[in-house]
Protein backbone atom coordinates (compact mmCIF):
# COMPACT_ATOMS: atom_id res chain seq x y z
CA MET A 1 121.56 119.21 158.08
CA ARG A 2 119.78 120.46 155.03
CA THR A 3 120.65 124.00 153.96
CA ASP A 4 118.06 125.79 151.87
CA PRO A 5 119.44 127.77 148.93
CA SER A 6 119.69 131.48 149.41
CA PRO A 7 117.28 133.74 147.47
CA SER A 8 120.17 135.06 145.48
CA SER A 9 121.26 131.59 144.40
CA THR A 10 117.72 130.62 143.51
CA VAL A 11 117.36 133.67 141.34
CA ALA A 12 120.73 132.87 139.70
CA ASP A 13 119.72 129.26 138.95
CA ALA A 14 116.43 130.47 137.43
CA HIS A 15 118.40 133.04 135.40
CA ASP A 16 120.73 130.34 134.09
CA THR A 17 117.84 128.09 133.12
CA THR A 18 116.15 130.87 131.20
CA ILE A 19 119.34 131.60 129.29
CA ALA A 20 119.78 127.86 128.51
CA ALA A 21 116.20 127.63 127.29
CA SER A 22 116.38 130.78 125.11
CA ALA A 23 119.72 129.54 123.52
CA CYS A 24 117.76 127.13 121.23
CA ALA A 25 114.66 127.23 119.12
CA GLU A 26 111.40 126.22 120.77
CA ASP A 27 111.51 122.66 119.39
CA MET A 28 115.15 122.06 120.35
CA VAL A 29 117.09 121.46 123.58
CA LEU A 30 120.59 122.69 124.65
CA VAL A 31 123.29 120.07 124.87
CA GLU A 32 126.30 121.32 126.86
CA GLY A 33 129.13 119.50 128.62
CA GLU A 34 132.19 117.42 128.10
CA TYR A 35 132.02 114.79 125.32
CA CYS A 36 134.27 111.72 125.40
CA THR A 37 135.75 110.90 121.93
CA ASP A 38 136.35 107.27 122.76
CA VAL A 39 134.11 105.28 125.17
CA ARG A 40 134.69 101.69 126.40
CA GLN A 41 131.63 99.72 127.59
CA GLU A 42 131.48 96.22 129.02
CA CYS A 43 128.41 94.16 128.32
CA THR A 44 127.61 91.83 131.25
CA ARG A 45 124.68 89.98 129.71
CA TRP A 46 123.94 89.39 126.08
CA LEU A 47 120.56 88.72 124.41
CA ASP A 48 122.12 87.36 121.25
CA ASP A 49 125.34 85.62 120.08
CA ARG A 50 127.85 88.43 120.75
CA SER A 51 129.67 87.53 117.53
CA LEU A 52 126.64 88.68 115.43
CA PRO A 53 127.13 92.15 113.86
CA PHE A 54 123.85 93.47 115.42
CA ALA A 55 123.99 91.62 118.73
CA ARG A 56 121.91 93.09 121.50
CA CYS A 57 123.27 93.65 124.94
CA ALA A 58 120.74 93.21 127.82
CA GLU A 59 122.82 95.00 130.44
CA TYR A 60 126.18 96.91 130.60
CA ALA A 61 128.45 97.44 133.56
CA ARG A 62 127.75 100.86 135.09
CA THR A 63 131.39 101.71 134.99
CA PRO A 64 132.03 102.97 131.39
CA ARG A 65 135.50 104.32 130.71
CA CYS A 66 136.56 107.34 128.65
CA ALA A 67 139.61 106.18 126.72
CA GLY A 68 139.82 109.28 124.56
CA ALA A 69 139.99 113.01 124.92
CA LYS A 70 137.20 115.07 126.53
CA VAL A 71 135.97 117.89 124.42
CA LYS A 72 133.63 120.79 125.52
CA MET A 73 130.55 120.97 123.47
CA ARG A 74 127.58 123.31 123.31
CA TYR A 75 124.87 123.13 120.61
CA CYS A 76 121.13 122.67 120.06
CA ILE A 77 119.39 119.51 118.87
CA ALA A 78 115.77 118.78 117.99
CA ALA A 79 114.00 117.16 120.90
CA HIS A 80 112.07 114.92 118.44
CA GLU A 81 112.61 113.42 115.10
CA MET A 82 111.34 115.64 112.17
CA ALA A 83 107.83 114.63 111.55
CA GLY A 84 105.31 115.00 108.82
CA SER A 85 101.71 116.31 109.11
CA ASP A 86 100.58 112.80 110.26
CA GLY A 87 102.94 112.97 113.33
CA LEU A 88 105.12 110.21 112.07
CA PRO A 89 108.81 110.78 111.48
CA VAL A 90 109.59 111.73 107.89
CA ASN A 91 111.21 108.77 106.19
CA HIS A 92 112.81 107.77 102.85
CA GLN A 93 115.54 110.35 103.58
CA SER A 94 119.12 110.26 102.34
CA PHE A 95 122.06 112.29 103.64
CA VAL A 96 121.48 114.66 100.79
CA THR A 97 117.78 115.16 101.21
CA ALA A 98 118.01 115.28 105.04
CA ALA A 99 120.64 117.95 104.83
CA LYS A 100 118.33 119.96 102.54
CA LEU A 101 115.40 119.56 104.98
CA CYS A 102 117.46 120.83 107.94
CA LYS A 103 118.73 123.78 105.88
CA GLU A 104 115.22 124.76 104.80
CA SER A 105 114.21 124.87 108.48
CA GLY A 106 117.19 127.14 109.41
CA LYS A 107 119.15 124.27 111.00
CA ARG A 108 121.76 121.69 109.87
CA LEU A 109 122.52 118.05 110.14
CA CYS A 110 124.04 116.86 113.35
CA THR A 111 127.54 115.65 113.39
CA GLU A 112 128.19 112.13 114.57
CA SER A 113 129.79 113.31 117.83
CA GLU A 114 126.92 115.74 118.52
CA TRP A 115 124.39 112.93 118.12
CA ASN A 116 126.46 110.64 120.33
CA PHE A 117 126.70 113.18 123.10
CA ALA A 118 122.95 114.01 122.98
CA CYS A 119 122.22 110.37 123.34
CA GLU A 120 124.68 109.17 126.06
CA GLY A 121 125.26 112.30 128.02
CA GLU A 122 128.25 112.72 130.45
CA GLU A 123 127.31 109.45 132.08
CA LEU A 124 128.35 107.66 128.86
CA ARG A 125 125.12 105.67 128.82
CA PRO A 126 125.04 102.88 126.14
CA TYR A 127 121.28 103.43 125.78
CA PRO A 128 119.82 106.93 126.07
CA TYR A 129 117.68 105.78 128.96
CA GLY A 130 120.40 103.91 130.86
CA PHE A 131 122.65 100.89 131.13
CA GLU A 132 119.97 98.13 130.77
CA ARG A 133 118.07 97.47 127.62
CA LYS A 134 114.38 98.16 128.22
CA PRO A 135 111.20 97.90 126.06
CA VAL A 136 110.59 101.63 126.07
CA CYS A 137 111.52 102.52 122.48
CA ASN A 138 110.04 101.33 119.16
CA GLN A 139 112.48 98.52 118.57
CA ASP A 140 112.77 94.65 118.68
CA ARG A 141 109.83 94.21 116.38
CA GLU A 142 109.58 90.89 114.69
CA ASP A 143 106.65 91.43 112.23
CA LEU A 144 108.94 93.22 109.77
CA PHE A 145 107.65 92.22 106.36
CA GLU A 146 104.52 92.16 104.29
CA GLN A 147 103.96 90.28 101.05
CA ASN A 148 103.12 92.09 97.87
CA PRO A 149 102.52 90.38 94.56
CA ARG A 150 106.23 90.28 93.65
CA ARG A 151 108.35 90.24 96.84
CA LYS A 152 108.46 90.80 100.57
CA VAL A 153 108.83 94.47 101.60
CA LEU A 154 109.37 96.12 104.95
CA ARG A 155 106.22 97.04 106.79
CA ASP A 156 105.95 100.63 107.90
CA LEU A 157 106.10 100.38 111.65
CA ARG A 158 107.04 103.94 112.51
CA ALA A 159 105.61 105.32 115.82
CA PRO A 160 104.74 109.00 116.33
CA SER A 161 107.83 111.12 116.87
CA THR A 162 106.40 112.39 120.12
CA GLY A 163 105.59 109.00 121.48
CA ASN A 164 107.58 106.62 123.58
CA LEU A 165 108.17 109.25 126.28
CA GLU A 166 110.41 106.92 128.35
CA CYS A 167 112.79 106.55 125.40
CA VAL A 168 114.63 109.77 126.33
CA SER A 169 118.20 110.87 126.73
CA PRO A 170 119.86 112.70 129.71
CA PHE A 171 119.41 115.95 127.78
CA GLY A 172 115.62 115.37 127.14
CA VAL A 173 115.97 114.09 123.54
CA TYR A 174 113.46 111.55 122.57
CA ASN A 175 113.54 108.41 120.41
CA MET A 176 117.20 108.53 119.57
CA VAL A 177 117.21 104.71 119.32
CA GLY A 178 114.55 102.72 117.53
CA ASN A 179 111.73 104.17 115.35
CA VAL A 180 113.86 105.38 112.44
CA ASP A 181 117.58 105.53 111.69
CA GLU A 182 118.90 109.11 111.77
CA THR A 183 121.46 110.32 109.20
CA VAL A 184 124.41 112.41 110.43
CA GLN A 185 127.66 113.90 109.23
CA ARG A 186 130.19 111.11 109.86
CA THR A 187 133.15 112.04 111.93
CA GLY A 188 136.34 112.08 109.86
CA ALA A 189 134.51 111.74 106.56
CA GLU A 190 133.51 115.32 105.81
CA HIS A 191 135.17 115.34 102.42
CA ASN A 192 134.85 111.66 101.60
CA ARG A 193 132.13 111.99 98.93
CA PRO A 194 129.82 110.11 98.47
CA TYR A 195 130.34 108.46 101.84
CA ARG A 196 130.11 111.36 104.24
CA ASN A 197 127.17 109.93 106.23
CA ALA A 198 126.48 107.57 109.10
CA LEU A 199 123.06 106.21 110.22
CA LYS A 200 122.53 106.29 113.97
CA GLY A 201 120.14 104.82 116.51
CA GLY A 202 118.74 101.87 114.51
CA TRP A 203 115.08 101.50 113.64
CA TRP A 204 112.23 99.14 114.67
CA MET A 205 114.00 95.88 113.95
CA ALA A 206 115.77 93.85 116.62
CA GLY A 207 119.18 95.48 116.35
CA ARG A 208 121.80 97.21 118.54
CA ASN A 209 119.78 100.34 119.09
CA ARG A 210 122.52 102.00 121.16
CA CYS A 211 124.14 105.38 121.27
CA ARG A 212 127.60 104.71 119.76
CA PRO A 213 127.11 102.22 116.92
CA ALA A 214 126.73 103.57 113.39
CA THR A 215 125.92 102.08 109.94
CA THR A 216 128.50 103.49 107.47
CA ALA A 217 128.20 101.19 104.48
CA HIS A 218 125.64 103.29 102.50
CA ASP A 219 126.49 106.23 100.25
CA ASP A 220 125.10 109.79 100.64
CA TYR A 221 122.12 108.98 98.29
CA TYR A 222 120.85 105.85 100.09
CA GLU A 223 117.24 106.23 101.38
CA GLY A 224 114.71 103.74 102.86
CA ILE A 225 111.43 103.43 104.61
CA GLN A 226 113.35 103.24 107.87
CA VAL A 227 115.57 106.32 107.42
CA GLY A 228 114.57 109.72 108.94
CA VAL A 229 116.23 112.90 110.16
CA ARG A 230 116.90 114.95 113.29
CA CYS A 231 118.41 118.39 113.00
CA CYS A 232 121.01 120.37 115.08
CA ALA A 233 121.91 124.01 115.26
CA ASP A 234 124.70 126.13 116.76
CA ALA A 235 124.00 127.68 120.12
CA PRO A 236 125.07 131.25 120.98
CA GLY A 237 128.64 131.00 122.42
CA SER A 238 129.17 127.60 121.01
CA PRO A 239 132.83 126.57 120.65
CA PRO A 240 133.94 125.07 117.29
CA ASN A 241 133.31 121.29 117.19
CA PRO A 242 136.81 119.73 116.75
CA THR A 243 135.35 116.17 116.66
CA GLY A 244 133.58 116.77 113.27
C-alpha cells in the first residue's frame, strides 16, 4: 500500500533541495556522493576492432564493479561547457589558459576524479547517459576535414554548449562527452610540469567518448580547435579531495 509522505518530511526534503541548490553558483550543479577510484566495465558489444586505441563500445554490461576505494565527494561543477558570446564552447584552450579562465570567473579547473564522478555518477555509467552508446551527443562525425590551399585542417563542428539535452549525466551535467575535449587536473600529476593535464570526454570525432578514458600525451600548453573547458568550485562543507 502506498504511503504518502508526511508534511514534515515533505518540508524537510524541500529544505534539503534548497540547501543543495544554493551551495553552488547559478550556472553550476552540486555533485555529492561516493566516488569509486577504480571502476571495471565489461563491453558486451563493440562497434570497432577492440584492439584499436579509440575503439567504441556499443553496449556495456549493467554490472560495473568498483575495484578501488570509495571516497566521499562534494563539489560544484558547471552544468555546461564554458561558452563564448556565440553560444559555442570556447576552444583553442590549453591547461594553462583554461586554468586562467576558470580563475577569472571565481572558479577552478576540475580534477580528473571530479570530472569522472560528475560524468558517471554512483551508478558507474560508462557513458553519462547510460550503458549503451546512443547518438545523443555531438560525436561520431565523419566529415572532419576541410581543404585549405596548403593542407587539410579540422572543420569546426562544435555544437552550442546548451544543446544536445539528452547528452546529460546523472547529476545534470551536459555534453560531458563529444563536442569538445575538456582539460582537467590529472590525478597523480599535480607537480609533474609540464604534463599535469588530461583531456576528458572526447570531441566530435568517432572516438571513445566515455567517462573514464583520458588523453594524457599532451603538455600543459597544447591547444586545439577541439579543446575547451568546464570549471569546478568547492561547495560549502566540502571535504578535501584525496583523489587529486
